[in-house]
């Protein structure tokens, strides 16, 4: 079985809370430009130093920031 990383879910999680990118940026200390790049798919790989503060601000696990696709 192969597990692949799917799309980034930051926008979905942020909007579910009714937050703007500025709100998430303020809560996570991650720049709005960086958040935009992940939300739009311009950046793919997310280091833990970015994932953890975003996940903490959203009150989710870092693994919840992405879809996970299972292939057999």
C-alpha atoms as a PDB file:
ATOM      1  CA  UNK A   1       0.000   0.000   0.000  1.00  0.00           C
ATOM      2  CA  UNK A   2       1.212   3.460  -0.913  1.00  0.00           C
ATOM      3  CA  UNK A   3       0.184   6.647   0.892  1.00  0.00           C
ATOM      4  CA  UNK A   4       0.434   9.923  -0.996  1.00  0.00           C
ATOM      5  CA  UNK A   5      -0.006  13.495   0.172  1.00  0.00           C
ATOM      6  CA  UNK A   6      -3.006  15.141  -1.478  1.00  0.00           C
ATOM      7  CA  UNK A   7      -4.137  18.733  -1.552  1.00  0.00           C
ATOM      8  CA  UNK A   8      -3.504  21.225   1.214  1.00  0.00           C
ATOM      9  CA  UNK A   9      -6.569  21.780   3.434  1.00  0.00           C
ATOM     10  CA  UNK A  10      -5.508  25.031   5.146  1.00  0.00           C
ATOM     11  CA  UNK A  11      -8.047  27.181   3.268  1.00  0.00           C
ATOM     12  CA  UNK A  12     -10.858  24.740   4.050  1.00  0.00           C
ATOM     13  CA  UNK A  13      -9.951  24.566   7.747  1.00  0.00           C
ATOM     14  CA  UNK A  14      -9.474  28.339   7.996  1.00  0.00           C
ATOM     15  CA  UNK A  15     -12.789  29.159   6.301  1.00  0.00           C
ATOM     16  CA  UNK A  16     -14.644  26.621   8.485  1.00  0.00           C
ATOM     17  CA  UNK A  17     -13.657  28.837  11.411  1.00  0.00           C
ATOM     18  CA  UNK A  18     -14.702  32.003   9.621  1.00  0.00           C
ATOM     19  CA  UNK A  19     -11.123  33.301   9.628  1.00  0.00           C
ATOM     20  CA  UNK A  20      -9.320  35.423   7.064  1.00  0.00           C
ATOM     21  CA  UNK A  21      -5.737  34.729   6.078  1.00  0.00           C
ATOM     22  CA  UNK A  22      -4.775  37.648   8.314  1.00  0.00           C
ATOM     23  CA  UNK A  23      -6.548  35.998  11.261  1.00  0.00           C
ATOM     24  CA  UNK A  24      -4.641  32.755  10.713  1.00  0.00           C
ATOM     25  CA  UNK A  25      -1.407  34.633  10.123  1.00  0.00           C
ATOM     26  CA  UNK A  26      -1.820  36.542  13.389  1.00  0.00           C
ATOM     27  CA  UNK A  27      -2.661  33.370  15.331  1.00  0.00           C
ATOM     28  CA  UNK A  28       0.138  31.246  13.828  1.00  0.00           C
ATOM     29  CA  UNK A  29       2.871  33.875  13.225  1.00  0.00           C
ATOM     30  CA  UNK A  30       3.181  32.553   9.668  1.00  0.00           C
ATOM     31  CA  UNK A  31       3.168  35.237   6.969  1.00  0.00           C
ATOM     32  CA  UNK A  32       0.108  35.761   4.778  1.00  0.00           C
ATOM     33  CA  UNK A  33       2.200  35.287   1.637  1.00  0.00           C
ATOM     34  CA  UNK A  34       3.351  31.891   2.869  1.00  0.00           C
ATOM     35  CA  UNK A  35      -0.214  30.872   3.759  1.00  0.00           C
ATOM     36  CA  UNK A  36      -1.412  31.964   0.306  1.00  0.00           C
ATOM     37  CA  UNK A  37       1.297  29.906  -1.387  1.00  0.00           C
ATOM     38  CA  UNK A  38       0.223  26.758   0.470  1.00  0.00           C
ATOM     39  CA  UNK A  39      -3.482  27.438  -0.050  1.00  0.00           C
ATOM     40  CA  UNK A  40      -3.028  27.918  -3.804  1.00  0.00           C
ATOM     41  CA  UNK A  41      -0.634  24.997  -4.234  1.00  0.00           C
ATOM     42  CA  UNK A  42       2.374  27.135  -5.214  1.00  0.00           C
ATOM     43  CA  UNK A  43       4.257  25.555  -2.314  1.00  0.00           C
ATOM     44  CA  UNK A  44       3.957  21.800  -1.853  1.00  0.00           C
ATOM     45  CA  UNK A  45       6.346  20.682   0.879  1.00  0.00           C
ATOM     46  CA  UNK A  46       5.641  22.064   4.336  1.00  0.00           C
ATOM     47  CA  UNK A  47       8.360  21.816   6.997  1.00  0.00           C
ATOM     48  CA  UNK A  48       7.287  21.139  10.573  1.00  0.00           C
ATOM     49  CA  UNK A  49       8.394  24.617  11.673  1.00  0.00           C
ATOM     50  CA  UNK A  50       5.541  25.936   9.509  1.00  0.00           C
ATOM     51  CA  UNK A  51       3.026  23.084   9.850  1.00  0.00           C
ATOM     52  CA  UNK A  52       3.000  22.954  13.648  1.00  0.00           C
ATOM     53  CA  UNK A  53       2.151  26.636  14.298  1.00  0.00           C
ATOM     54  CA  UNK A  54      -0.576  26.544  11.631  1.00  0.00           C
ATOM     55  CA  UNK A  55      -2.021  23.318  13.024  1.00  0.00           C
ATOM     56  CA  UNK A  56      -1.855  24.659  16.583  1.00  0.00           C
ATOM     57  CA  UNK A  57      -3.689  27.842  15.554  1.00  0.00           C
ATOM     58  CA  UNK A  58      -6.376  25.758  13.817  1.00  0.00           C
ATOM     59  CA  UNK A  59      -6.480  23.290  16.748  1.00  0.00           C
ATOM     60  CA  UNK A  60      -5.803  20.279  14.510  1.00  0.00           C
ATOM     61  CA  UNK A  61      -2.977  17.785  14.034  1.00  0.00           C
ATOM     62  CA  UNK A  62      -0.314  18.752  11.459  1.00  0.00           C
ATOM     63  CA  UNK A  63      -1.382  15.710   9.440  1.00  0.00           C
ATOM     64  CA  UNK A  64      -4.877  17.237   9.139  1.00  0.00           C
ATOM     65  CA  UNK A  65      -3.443  20.069   7.034  1.00  0.00           C
ATOM     66  CA  UNK A  66      -3.348  17.743   3.998  1.00  0.00           C
ATOM     67  CA  UNK A  67      -5.501  15.112   2.344  1.00  0.00           C
ATOM     68  CA  UNK A  68      -4.010  11.618   2.411  1.00  0.00           C
ATOM     69  CA  UNK A  69      -4.516   9.311  -0.554  1.00  0.00           C
ATOM     70  CA  UNK A  70      -4.128   5.553  -0.238  1.00  0.00           C
ATOM     71  CA  UNK A  71      -3.158   3.559  -3.321  1.00  0.00           C
ATOM     72  CA  UNK A  72      -2.776  -0.173  -3.538  1.00  0.00           C
END
